[in-house]
Amino acid sequence: MNLSSNFLSKIKKKKKKRENQLLNEELNKIEEKWLKGDDKKNKGIISSAKREEILEFIQKQDEFKNIKKISIDQKEEETTNKSSRIIKNDNDLLKELQKQIEEKKLRQEKLNEENIKREEIETTYLSEIEKKQKELEKNIILKNKESALIIKNQIHENYLKKQEEERLKIIEGKRMQKQFEKSKIEELEKRQEKIMEQKVLYNYILESNRKHIESSNEKKKEEKKKDEEYVRYLEEKEQREKEYEEKIKKEKEEKEKEIHEIRMKQKKNVELLAHFDDIQAMKWQKEKKIKDEQKRVLEEEEKKKKIDELNNARLIALMEKKKKKLEQLEEDKKEAENLKNIYDLYVFIFEKK
C-alpha cells in the first residue's frame, strides 16, 4: 500500500509540473495577444459583426419603414388599376400599353430614388457608427491590457486553489483509505459473527434431528418389542390350549380303559348278566357317542371362537400398529415443519441483518 501511494504521489507531482508549464505558456500567449494584438483581425471581426447590427438597426428606423410602405401601396394601386381597366379596341390597347410603359418607367425611377435614399441613410449611419467604433476600440485595447493583468492574477489564484484542492484530495484520500480499511475489518468481524451464529444454528438443528431420530428409533424398538410380546402371548395361549386338549384326550382315554377293564372283569365274574351288560353297554355307548358328538361340536365351536378371537386380536394389533405409525408420521411432519420454520426464521433474520 505504501509503495502504491508513493508511486501515485510521484505521478501527481509530474502532472502538476506539466499543468504549471501549460498554464504559464497560455498566460504568455494571452498577454502577447492583448498587448501586441492582431489589430486587423480584431477590426475585421468587429466590423463584420457591427455591420450586421447596423443593418438591423437601419431596418428598424422609421424612414426605412416609410419607404417600404410607399412601395407596397404603389404596387397595390397598380393591381387595382389593372383590374379596373377594360380594353375596348386596338387604339385603346395601344394607349393602354403606352400608359403601362410610362407607369413602369415612373415606377423604376421611384425605385431608383428609394434605393439611393436607402444607401444614403445606410452610409450616414455607418459613418457615425464607425466613428463610435474607433473610440470603442481604443477603450477596448486599454481595457484589454487591464483585463490581461486581471486574468493573469486570476490564473495564478486558480493555480493556487488547484494546489490546495489537490492537497486536500490527498488528505481526503488517506482518510478514505483508513476508513475503508476500518470498514473492511468491521465487515470481516460481522461475517465471522454470522458464520459463528450459523454454525450454532446448524449444530442445534443437527442435534435436534439426532434426538428426533433416536426417539423415533426407540419408539420403533418399543413397538417391535410389544408386537413380539403379543405374538409370544398368542403362541403361548395356543400352546396352552393344545396342551389342555391333549390332557382332556388322555383323561378320556384313561377313563375308557378303566371302563373297559371293569367290563372285562364284570364279563368274567358275571356271565349271567352278560346280556344285560351288553344291552347296557350298547345304551351307554349310544349315550357316550351322543355326548362325544355334543362335546366335539362344543369343542369345535370353542376352537372357532378362539381362532376368531386370535384373528380379531391380530387385526386390532395391526390397526393399532398402523394408527401408531400414522401418528408417528404426523409427529415427524410436525417436527420437520417446526424445524423448517426455525430455519426460515433464522435465514430471514440474517437476510435482514
Protein backbone atom coordinates (compact mmCIF):
# COMPACT_ATOMS: atom_id res chain seq x y z
CA MET A 1 0.00 0.00 0.00
CA ASN A 2 2.86 2.43 0.83
CA LEU A 3 4.63 1.71 -2.48
CA SER A 4 1.45 2.36 -4.47
CA SER A 5 0.76 5.63 -2.56
CA ASN A 6 4.37 6.83 -3.21
CA PHE A 7 4.04 5.97 -6.87
CA LEU A 8 0.74 7.86 -7.10
CA SER A 9 2.24 10.92 -5.37
CA LYS A 10 5.16 10.95 -7.88
CA ILE A 11 2.73 10.77 -10.82
CA LYS A 12 0.65 13.61 -9.33
CA LYS A 13 3.77 15.79 -8.92
CA LYS A 14 4.73 15.22 -12.56
CA LYS A 15 1.17 16.12 -13.64
CA LYS A 16 1.32 19.32 -11.56
CA LYS A 17 4.60 20.38 -13.23
CA ARG A 18 3.13 19.82 -16.70
CA GLU A 19 -0.04 21.74 -15.81
CA ASN A 20 2.03 24.65 -14.44
CA GLN A 21 4.09 24.78 -17.65
CA LEU A 22 0.93 24.75 -19.81
CA LEU A 23 -0.66 27.49 -17.68
CA ASN A 24 2.43 29.71 -17.99
CA GLU A 25 2.50 29.20 -21.76
CA GLU A 26 -1.21 30.10 -22.03
CA LEU A 27 -0.66 33.23 -19.91
CA ASN A 28 2.20 34.38 -22.11
CA LYS A 29 0.12 33.83 -25.25
CA ILE A 30 -2.82 35.80 -23.80
CA GLU A 31 -0.51 38.68 -22.81
CA GLU A 32 1.01 38.77 -26.31
CA LYS A 33 -2.42 38.80 -27.93
CA TRP A 34 -3.78 41.57 -25.75
CA LEU A 35 -0.63 43.72 -25.55
CA LYS A 36 0.74 43.35 -29.12
CA GLY A 37 -2.55 42.29 -30.72
CA ASP A 38 -3.62 41.36 -34.21
CA ASP A 39 -5.47 44.66 -34.78
CA LYS A 40 -6.51 43.85 -38.33
CA LYS A 41 -8.15 40.58 -37.40
CA ASN A 42 -9.90 42.14 -34.41
CA LYS A 43 -11.09 45.04 -36.55
CA GLY A 44 -12.33 42.72 -39.29
CA ILE A 45 -14.29 40.59 -36.83
CA ILE A 46 -15.68 43.62 -35.00
CA SER A 47 -16.58 45.46 -38.26
CA SER A 48 -18.40 42.41 -39.75
CA ALA A 49 -20.34 41.86 -36.54
CA LYS A 50 -21.13 45.55 -36.18
CA ARG A 51 -22.18 45.84 -39.83
CA GLU A 52 -24.89 43.24 -39.27
CA GLU A 53 -26.01 45.09 -36.15
CA ILE A 54 -26.11 48.39 -38.09
CA LEU A 55 -28.20 46.94 -40.91
CA GLU A 56 -30.67 45.58 -38.40
CA PHE A 57 -30.74 48.96 -36.69
CA ILE A 58 -31.33 50.80 -40.01
CA GLN A 59 -34.16 48.48 -40.99
CA LYS A 60 -35.83 49.26 -37.70
CA GLN A 61 -35.72 53.04 -38.34
CA ASP A 62 -38.93 54.94 -39.30
CA GLU A 63 -37.60 56.31 -42.63
CA PHE A 64 -36.77 52.83 -43.94
CA LYS A 65 -40.18 51.58 -42.85
CA ASN A 66 -41.92 54.52 -44.62
CA ILE A 67 -40.06 53.74 -47.89
CA LYS A 68 -41.19 50.15 -47.75
CA LYS A 69 -44.80 51.20 -47.06
CA ILE A 70 -44.83 53.59 -50.06
CA SER A 71 -43.58 50.90 -52.47
CA ILE A 72 -46.17 48.40 -51.19
CA ASP A 73 -49.04 50.95 -51.53
CA GLN A 74 -47.99 51.73 -55.10
CA LYS A 75 -47.99 48.07 -56.05
CA GLU A 76 -51.49 47.66 -54.62
CA GLU A 77 -52.77 50.71 -56.60
CA GLU A 78 -51.31 49.31 -59.82
CA THR A 79 -53.02 45.99 -59.35
CA THR A 80 -56.37 47.73 -58.70
CA ASN A 81 -55.95 49.97 -61.75
CA LYS A 82 -55.09 46.99 -63.94
CA SER A 83 -58.16 45.13 -62.86
CA SER A 84 -60.42 48.20 -63.38
CA ARG A 85 -59.30 48.84 -66.92
CA ILE A 86 -61.37 47.41 -69.78
CA ILE A 87 -59.92 47.22 -73.29
CA LYS A 88 -62.46 48.28 -75.95
CA ASN A 89 -60.48 48.22 -79.27
CA ASP A 90 -56.95 48.27 -80.77
CA ASN A 91 -56.44 52.01 -80.28
CA ASP A 92 -57.39 51.69 -76.69
CA LEU A 93 -54.98 48.77 -76.43
CA LEU A 94 -52.09 50.87 -77.79
CA LYS A 95 -52.93 53.69 -75.45
CA GLU A 96 -53.12 51.27 -72.61
CA LEU A 97 -49.71 49.80 -73.49
CA GLN A 98 -48.15 53.28 -73.68
CA LYS A 99 -49.62 54.11 -70.31
CA GLN A 100 -48.29 50.91 -68.83
CA ILE A 101 -44.79 51.62 -70.23
CA GLU A 102 -44.85 55.14 -68.77
CA GLU A 103 -46.07 53.78 -65.45
CA LYS A 104 -43.25 51.21 -65.46
CA LYS A 105 -40.71 53.96 -66.13
CA LEU A 106 -42.10 56.06 -63.31
CA ARG A 107 -42.06 53.06 -61.02
CA GLN A 108 -38.44 52.29 -61.94
CA GLU A 109 -37.45 55.90 -61.28
CA LYS A 110 -39.20 55.82 -57.91
CA LEU A 111 -37.47 52.57 -57.03
CA ASN A 112 -34.09 54.05 -58.00
CA GLU A 113 -34.81 57.09 -55.84
CA GLU A 114 -35.79 54.84 -52.96
CA ASN A 115 -32.58 52.81 -53.35
CA ILE A 116 -30.49 55.99 -53.43
CA LYS A 117 -32.23 57.25 -50.28
CA ARG A 118 -31.70 53.91 -48.60
CA GLU A 119 -27.98 53.91 -49.48
CA GLU A 120 -27.60 57.49 -48.21
CA ILE A 121 -29.25 56.55 -44.91
CA GLU A 122 -27.02 53.48 -44.61
CA THR A 123 -23.83 55.45 -45.35
CA THR A 124 -24.74 58.17 -42.81
CA TYR A 125 -25.45 55.59 -40.11
CA LEU A 126 -22.34 53.60 -41.00
CA SER A 127 -20.07 56.65 -40.86
CA GLU A 128 -21.43 57.63 -37.44
CA ILE A 129 -21.12 54.07 -36.14
CA GLU A 130 -17.53 53.74 -37.49
CA LYS A 131 -16.53 56.83 -35.56
CA LYS A 132 -18.06 55.41 -32.42
CA GLN A 133 -16.43 52.05 -33.20
CA LYS A 134 -12.94 53.57 -33.36
CA GLU A 135 -13.44 55.21 -29.97
CA LEU A 136 -14.72 51.91 -28.59
CA GLU A 137 -11.70 50.03 -30.00
CA LYS A 138 -9.32 52.41 -28.25
CA ASN A 139 -11.19 51.91 -24.98
CA ILE A 140 -11.25 48.12 -25.54
CA ILE A 141 -7.45 47.99 -26.07
CA LEU A 142 -6.94 49.84 -22.78
CA LYS A 143 -9.43 47.60 -21.04
CA ASN A 144 -7.83 44.50 -22.54
CA LYS A 145 -4.47 45.43 -21.05
CA GLU A 146 -6.12 45.76 -17.65
CA SER A 147 -8.10 42.54 -18.12
CA ALA A 148 -4.91 40.67 -19.16
CA LEU A 149 -3.37 41.53 -15.81
CA ILE A 150 -6.61 40.56 -14.05
CA ILE A 151 -6.66 37.23 -15.96
CA LYS A 152 -3.02 36.61 -15.06
CA ASN A 153 -3.79 37.20 -11.38
CA GLN A 154 -6.92 35.08 -11.64
CA ILE A 155 -4.99 32.20 -13.29
CA HIS A 156 -2.38 32.41 -10.55
CA GLU A 157 -5.15 32.32 -7.92
CA ASN A 158 -6.77 29.35 -9.70
CA TYR A 159 -3.41 27.58 -9.77
CA LEU A 160 -3.00 28.11 -6.02
CA LYS A 161 -6.59 26.93 -5.47
CA LYS A 162 -5.90 23.81 -7.54
CA GLN A 163 -2.79 23.06 -5.49
CA GLU A 164 -4.81 23.47 -2.28
CA GLU A 165 -7.62 21.28 -3.66
CA GLU A 166 -5.14 18.55 -4.64
CA ARG A 167 -3.54 18.69 -1.20
CA LEU A 168 -7.00 18.36 0.38
CA LYS A 169 -7.81 15.50 -2.03
CA ILE A 170 -4.65 13.63 -0.95
CA ILE A 171 -5.59 14.13 2.72
CA GLU A 172 -9.16 13.03 1.96
CA GLY A 173 -7.84 10.01 0.04
CA LYS A 174 -5.71 8.93 3.00
CA ARG A 175 -8.67 9.42 5.34
CA MET A 176 -10.95 7.45 2.99
CA GLN A 177 -8.33 4.68 2.77
CA LYS A 178 -8.19 4.44 6.55
CA GLN A 179 -11.99 4.47 6.69
CA PHE A 180 -12.14 1.76 4.02
CA GLU A 181 -9.66 -0.44 5.91
CA LYS A 182 -11.62 0.10 9.12
CA SER A 183 -14.94 -0.76 7.45
CA LYS A 184 -13.33 -3.83 5.87
CA ILE A 185 -12.17 -5.07 9.28
CA GLU A 186 -15.65 -4.42 10.73
CA GLU A 187 -17.24 -6.28 7.81
CA LEU A 188 -14.91 -9.26 8.37
CA GLU A 189 -15.79 -9.29 12.08
CA LYS A 190 -19.51 -9.20 11.23
CA ARG A 191 -19.06 -12.05 8.76
CA GLN A 192 -17.24 -14.10 11.38
CA GLU A 193 -20.08 -13.43 13.85
CA LYS A 194 -22.63 -14.51 11.24
CA ILE A 195 -20.65 -17.67 10.48
CA MET A 196 -20.47 -18.48 14.20
CA GLU A 197 -24.22 -17.93 14.58
CA GLN A 198 -24.88 -20.10 11.53
CA LYS A 199 -22.64 -22.82 12.99
CA VAL A 200 -24.54 -22.67 16.30
CA LEU A 201 -27.88 -22.92 14.48
CA TYR A 202 -26.61 -25.72 12.27
CA ASN A 203 -25.35 -27.65 15.32
CA TYR A 204 -28.69 -27.07 17.06
CA ILE A 205 -30.58 -28.38 14.00
CA LEU A 206 -28.27 -31.41 13.77
CA GLU A 207 -28.67 -32.13 17.49
CA SER A 208 -32.46 -31.82 17.30
CA ASN A 209 -32.55 -34.08 14.24
CA ARG A 210 -30.33 -36.62 16.00
CA LYS A 211 -32.56 -36.58 19.09
CA HIS A 212 -35.65 -36.89 16.93
CA ILE A 213 -34.14 -39.88 15.05
CA GLU A 214 -33.12 -41.52 18.35
CA SER A 215 -36.58 -41.03 19.83
CA SER A 216 -38.24 -42.41 16.68
CA ASN A 217 -35.85 -45.42 16.73
CA GLU A 218 -36.66 -46.02 20.40
CA LYS A 219 -40.37 -45.84 19.66
CA LYS A 220 -39.94 -48.30 16.82
CA LYS A 221 -37.99 -50.65 19.09
CA GLU A 222 -40.70 -50.42 21.77
CA GLU A 223 -43.39 -51.14 19.18
CA LYS A 224 -41.37 -54.09 17.89
CA LYS A 225 -40.99 -55.42 21.43
CA LYS A 226 -44.72 -55.03 22.06
CA ASP A 227 -45.52 -56.83 18.79
CA GLU A 228 -43.10 -59.65 19.68
CA GLU A 229 -44.59 -59.94 23.17
CA TYR A 230 -48.10 -60.03 21.75
CA VAL A 231 -47.13 -62.73 19.21
CA ARG A 232 -45.43 -64.67 22.02
CA TYR A 233 -48.57 -64.34 24.15
CA LEU A 234 -50.73 -65.64 21.29
CA GLU A 235 -48.35 -68.55 20.69
CA GLU A 236 -48.30 -69.41 24.41
CA LYS A 237 -52.07 -69.20 24.51
CA GLU A 238 -52.33 -71.53 21.53
CA GLN A 239 -49.80 -73.89 23.18
CA ARG A 240 -51.77 -73.93 26.43
CA GLU A 241 -54.97 -74.67 24.54
CA LYS A 242 -53.29 -77.56 22.73
CA GLU A 243 -51.91 -78.93 25.99
CA TYR A 244 -55.36 -78.65 27.57
CA GLU A 245 -56.93 -80.54 24.65
CA GLU A 246 -54.26 -83.27 24.85
CA LYS A 247 -54.81 -83.55 28.61
CA ILE A 248 -58.57 -83.96 28.12
CA LYS A 249 -57.92 -86.59 25.44
CA LYS A 250 -55.59 -88.55 27.75
CA GLU A 251 -58.08 -88.39 30.61
CA LYS A 252 -60.79 -89.61 28.27
CA GLU A 253 -58.66 -92.49 27.02
CA GLU A 254 -57.75 -93.46 30.59
CA LYS A 255 -61.41 -93.43 31.60
CA GLU A 256 -62.28 -95.56 28.58
CA LYS A 257 -59.53 -98.01 29.52
CA GLU A 258 -60.77 -98.19 33.08
CA ILE A 259 -64.31 -98.78 31.87
CA HIS A 260 -63.09 -101.46 29.51
CA GLU A 261 -61.20 -103.19 32.31
CA ILE A 262 -64.24 -103.02 34.60
CA ARG A 263 -66.34 -104.52 31.84
CA MET A 264 -63.92 -107.32 31.25
CA LYS A 265 -63.91 -108.10 34.96
CA GLN A 266 -67.71 -107.97 35.04
CA LYS A 267 -67.79 -110.21 31.98
CA LYS A 268 -65.58 -112.75 33.61
CA ASN A 269 -67.21 -112.58 37.04
CA VAL A 270 -70.84 -112.22 35.98
CA GLU A 271 -71.69 -114.25 32.88
CA LEU A 272 -75.36 -114.22 33.67
CA LEU A 273 -75.59 -110.54 33.41
CA ALA A 274 -73.74 -110.54 30.09
CA HIS A 275 -76.78 -109.97 28.00
CA PHE A 276 -77.95 -107.19 30.29
CA ASP A 277 -74.49 -105.72 30.31
CA ASP A 278 -74.35 -105.85 26.54
CA ILE A 279 -77.64 -104.01 26.34
CA GLN A 280 -76.44 -101.58 28.98
CA ALA A 281 -73.17 -101.15 27.19
CA MET A 282 -74.98 -100.52 23.95
CA LYS A 283 -77.07 -97.85 25.64
CA TRP A 284 -74.07 -96.42 27.36
CA GLN A 285 -72.11 -96.37 24.07
CA LYS A 286 -75.01 -94.65 22.33
CA GLU A 287 -75.21 -92.08 25.10
CA LYS A 288 -71.45 -91.74 25.02
CA LYS A 289 -71.49 -91.23 21.26
CA ILE A 290 -74.16 -88.56 21.63
CA LYS A 291 -72.20 -86.91 24.44
CA ASP A 292 -68.96 -87.19 22.47
CA GLU A 293 -70.64 -85.68 19.44
CA GLN A 294 -72.04 -82.83 21.53
CA LYS A 295 -68.66 -82.35 23.15
CA ARG A 296 -66.93 -82.37 19.77
CA VAL A 297 -69.39 -79.80 18.43
CA LEU A 298 -68.83 -77.63 21.52
CA GLU A 299 -65.05 -78.01 21.20
CA GLU A 300 -65.17 -77.08 17.52
CA GLU A 301 -67.29 -74.03 18.35
CA GLU A 302 -64.82 -73.07 21.09
CA LYS A 303 -61.92 -73.58 18.67
CA LYS A 304 -63.67 -71.41 16.09
CA LYS A 305 -64.31 -68.78 18.74
CA LYS A 306 -60.66 -68.89 19.82
CA ILE A 307 -59.48 -68.65 16.19
CA ASP A 308 -61.86 -65.72 15.64
CA GLU A 309 -60.59 -64.09 18.82
CA LEU A 310 -57.00 -64.59 17.67
CA ASN A 311 -57.79 -63.15 14.25
CA ASN A 312 -59.63 -60.22 15.81
CA ALA A 313 -56.74 -59.66 18.21
CA ARG A 314 -54.28 -59.72 15.30
CA LEU A 315 -56.45 -57.29 13.32
CA ILE A 316 -56.71 -54.98 16.33
CA ALA A 317 -52.93 -55.20 16.81
CA LEU A 318 -52.34 -54.39 13.13
CA MET A 319 -54.83 -51.49 13.30
CA GLU A 320 -53.14 -50.13 16.41
CA LYS A 321 -49.75 -50.53 14.73
CA LYS A 322 -50.96 -48.63 11.65
CA LYS A 323 -52.53 -45.98 13.85
CA LYS A 324 -49.28 -45.58 15.78
CA LYS A 325 -47.33 -45.37 12.53
CA LEU A 326 -49.70 -42.67 11.21
CA GLU A 327 -49.41 -40.76 14.49
CA GLN A 328 -45.63 -41.10 14.30
CA LEU A 329 -45.63 -39.82 10.70
CA GLU A 330 -47.78 -36.83 11.71
CA GLU A 331 -45.44 -36.12 14.61
CA ASP A 332 -42.44 -36.37 12.25
CA LYS A 333 -44.14 -34.00 9.80
CA LYS A 334 -44.91 -31.52 12.58
CA GLU A 335 -41.34 -31.76 13.84
CA ALA A 336 -39.99 -31.23 10.30
CA GLU A 337 -42.30 -28.21 9.80
CA ASN A 338 -41.15 -26.75 13.12
CA LEU A 339 -37.51 -27.24 12.13
CA LYS A 340 -38.18 -25.70 8.71
CA ASN A 341 -39.93 -22.70 10.33
CA ILE A 342 -37.00 -22.23 12.71
CA TYR A 343 -34.55 -22.37 9.79
CA ASP A 344 -36.65 -19.96 7.65
CA LEU A 345 -36.91 -17.57 10.59
CA TYR A 346 -33.16 -17.76 11.11
CA VAL A 347 -32.50 -17.12 7.37
CA PHE A 348 -34.99 -14.22 7.39
CA ILE A 349 -33.25 -12.65 10.44
CA PHE A 350 -29.82 -12.94 8.81
CA GLU A 351 -31.04 -11.54 5.49
CA LYS A 352 -32.43 -8.55 7.37
CA LYS A 353 -29.09 -8.02 9.06
